[in-house]
Amino acid sequence: MRLVWLGALSALAVLMAVFTPYVFRTESPWQGIAWLVMLAGTVALTAVLLRAELLIRRQRR
């Protein structure tokens, strides 16, 4: 189940990376900053969850 969540978060990170350039074409620069913050947060959370998954698997062995 955890791997499903990791896959979903990874897909979300990819979608945000694809759509971020379109956000920069808006009139408000704050929207672009907000998207970058969300992208960075999603990537960081995915990395943390992946690391936690690897540590849990290592402890079970």
C-alpha atoms as a PDB file:
ATOM      1  CA  MET A   1       0.000   0.000   0.000  1.00  0.00           C
ATOM      2  CA  ARG A   2       2.861   2.362   0.767  1.00  0.00           C
ATOM      3  CA  LEU A   3       4.300   1.815  -2.692  1.00  0.00           C
ATOM      4  CA  VAL A   4       0.949   2.817  -4.193  1.00  0.00           C
ATOM      5  CA  TRP A   5       1.094   6.097  -2.261  1.00  0.00           C
ATOM      6  CA  LEU A   6       4.663   6.662  -3.402  1.00  0.00           C
ATOM      7  CA  GLY A   7       3.630   6.069  -6.992  1.00  0.00           C
ATOM      8  CA  ALA A   8       0.740   8.510  -6.654  1.00  0.00           C
ATOM      9  CA  LEU A   9       2.983  11.189  -5.154  1.00  0.00           C
ATOM     10  CA  SER A  10       5.554  10.662  -7.873  1.00  0.00           C
ATOM     11  CA  ALA A  11       2.873  11.051 -10.540  1.00  0.00           C
ATOM     12  CA  LEU A  12       1.715  14.246  -8.848  1.00  0.00           C
ATOM     13  CA  ALA A  13       5.259  15.594  -8.831  1.00  0.00           C
ATOM     14  CA  VAL A  14       5.612  14.863 -12.540  1.00  0.00           C
ATOM     15  CA  LEU A  15       2.286  16.550 -13.335  1.00  0.00           C
ATOM     16  CA  MET A  16       3.285  19.628 -11.350  1.00  0.00           C
ATOM     17  CA  ALA A  17       6.630  19.754 -13.142  1.00  0.00           C
ATOM     18  CA  VAL A  18       4.871  19.590 -16.502  1.00  0.00           C
ATOM     19  CA  PHE A  19       2.293  22.279 -15.742  1.00  0.00           C
ATOM     20  CA  THR A  20       4.579  24.717 -13.893  1.00  0.00           C
ATOM     21  CA  PRO A  21       5.728  26.549 -17.061  1.00  0.00           C
ATOM     22  CA  TYR A  22       2.109  27.348 -17.902  1.00  0.00           C
ATOM     23  CA  VAL A  23       1.633  28.908 -14.476  1.00  0.00           C
ATOM     24  CA  PHE A  24       4.485  31.349 -15.075  1.00  0.00           C
ATOM     25  CA  ARG A  25       2.493  32.864 -17.948  1.00  0.00           C
ATOM     26  CA  THR A  26      -0.087  34.192 -15.505  1.00  0.00           C
ATOM     27  CA  GLU A  27      -0.220  37.804 -14.414  1.00  0.00           C
ATOM     28  CA  SER A  28       0.546  37.083 -10.779  1.00  0.00           C
ATOM     29  CA  PRO A  29       4.118  36.061  -9.930  1.00  0.00           C
ATOM     30  CA  TRP A  30       2.870  34.676  -6.616  1.00  0.00           C
ATOM     31  CA  GLN A  31       1.109  31.845  -8.411  1.00  0.00           C
ATOM     32  CA  GLY A  32       4.379  30.760  -9.951  1.00  0.00           C
ATOM     33  CA  ILE A  33       6.086  30.893  -6.562  1.00  0.00           C
ATOM     34  CA  ALA A  34       3.255  28.892  -5.001  1.00  0.00           C
ATOM     35  CA  TRP A  35       3.591  26.213  -7.665  1.00  0.00           C
ATOM     36  CA  LEU A  36       7.334  25.990  -7.134  1.00  0.00           C
ATOM     37  CA  VAL A  37       6.848  25.636  -3.378  1.00  0.00           C
ATOM     38  CA  MET A  38       4.261  22.899  -3.906  1.00  0.00           C
ATOM     39  CA  LEU A  39       6.554  21.135  -6.363  1.00  0.00           C
ATOM     40  CA  ALA A  40       9.498  21.289  -3.978  1.00  0.00           C
ATOM     41  CA  GLY A  41       7.319  20.059  -1.119  1.00  0.00           C
ATOM     42  CA  THR A  42       5.979  17.164  -3.159  1.00  0.00           C
ATOM     43  CA  VAL A  43       9.437  16.089  -4.280  1.00  0.00           C
ATOM     44  CA  ALA A  44      10.787  16.350  -0.724  1.00  0.00           C
ATOM     45  CA  LEU A  45       7.858  14.396   0.701  1.00  0.00           C
ATOM     46  CA  THR A  46       8.290  11.696  -1.943  1.00  0.00           C
ATOM     47  CA  ALA A  47      11.979  11.404  -1.081  1.00  0.00           C
ATOM     48  CA  VAL A  48      11.218  11.171   2.652  1.00  0.00           C
ATOM     49  CA  LEU A  49       8.550   8.511   2.133  1.00  0.00           C
ATOM     50  CA  LEU A  50      10.821   6.514  -0.146  1.00  0.00           C
ATOM     51  CA  ARG A  51      13.622   6.648   2.416  1.00  0.00           C
ATOM     52  CA  ALA A  52      11.213   5.577   5.168  1.00  0.00           C
ATOM     53  CA  GLU A  53      10.012   2.671   3.030  1.00  0.00           C
ATOM     54  CA  LEU A  54      13.581   1.531   2.450  1.00  0.00           C
ATOM     55  CA  LEU A  55      14.392   1.741   6.165  1.00  0.00           C
ATOM     56  CA  ILE A  56      11.275  -0.242   7.096  1.00  0.00           C
ATOM     57  CA  ARG A  57      12.147  -2.948   4.576  1.00  0.00           C
ATOM     58  CA  ARG A  58      15.725  -3.118   5.861  1.00  0.00           C
ATOM     59  CA  GLN A  59      14.530  -3.536   9.469  1.00  0.00           C
ATOM     60  CA  ARG A  60      12.171  -6.372   8.512  1.00  0.00           C
ATOM     61  CA  ARG A  61      15.036  -8.456   7.109  1.00  0.00           C
END
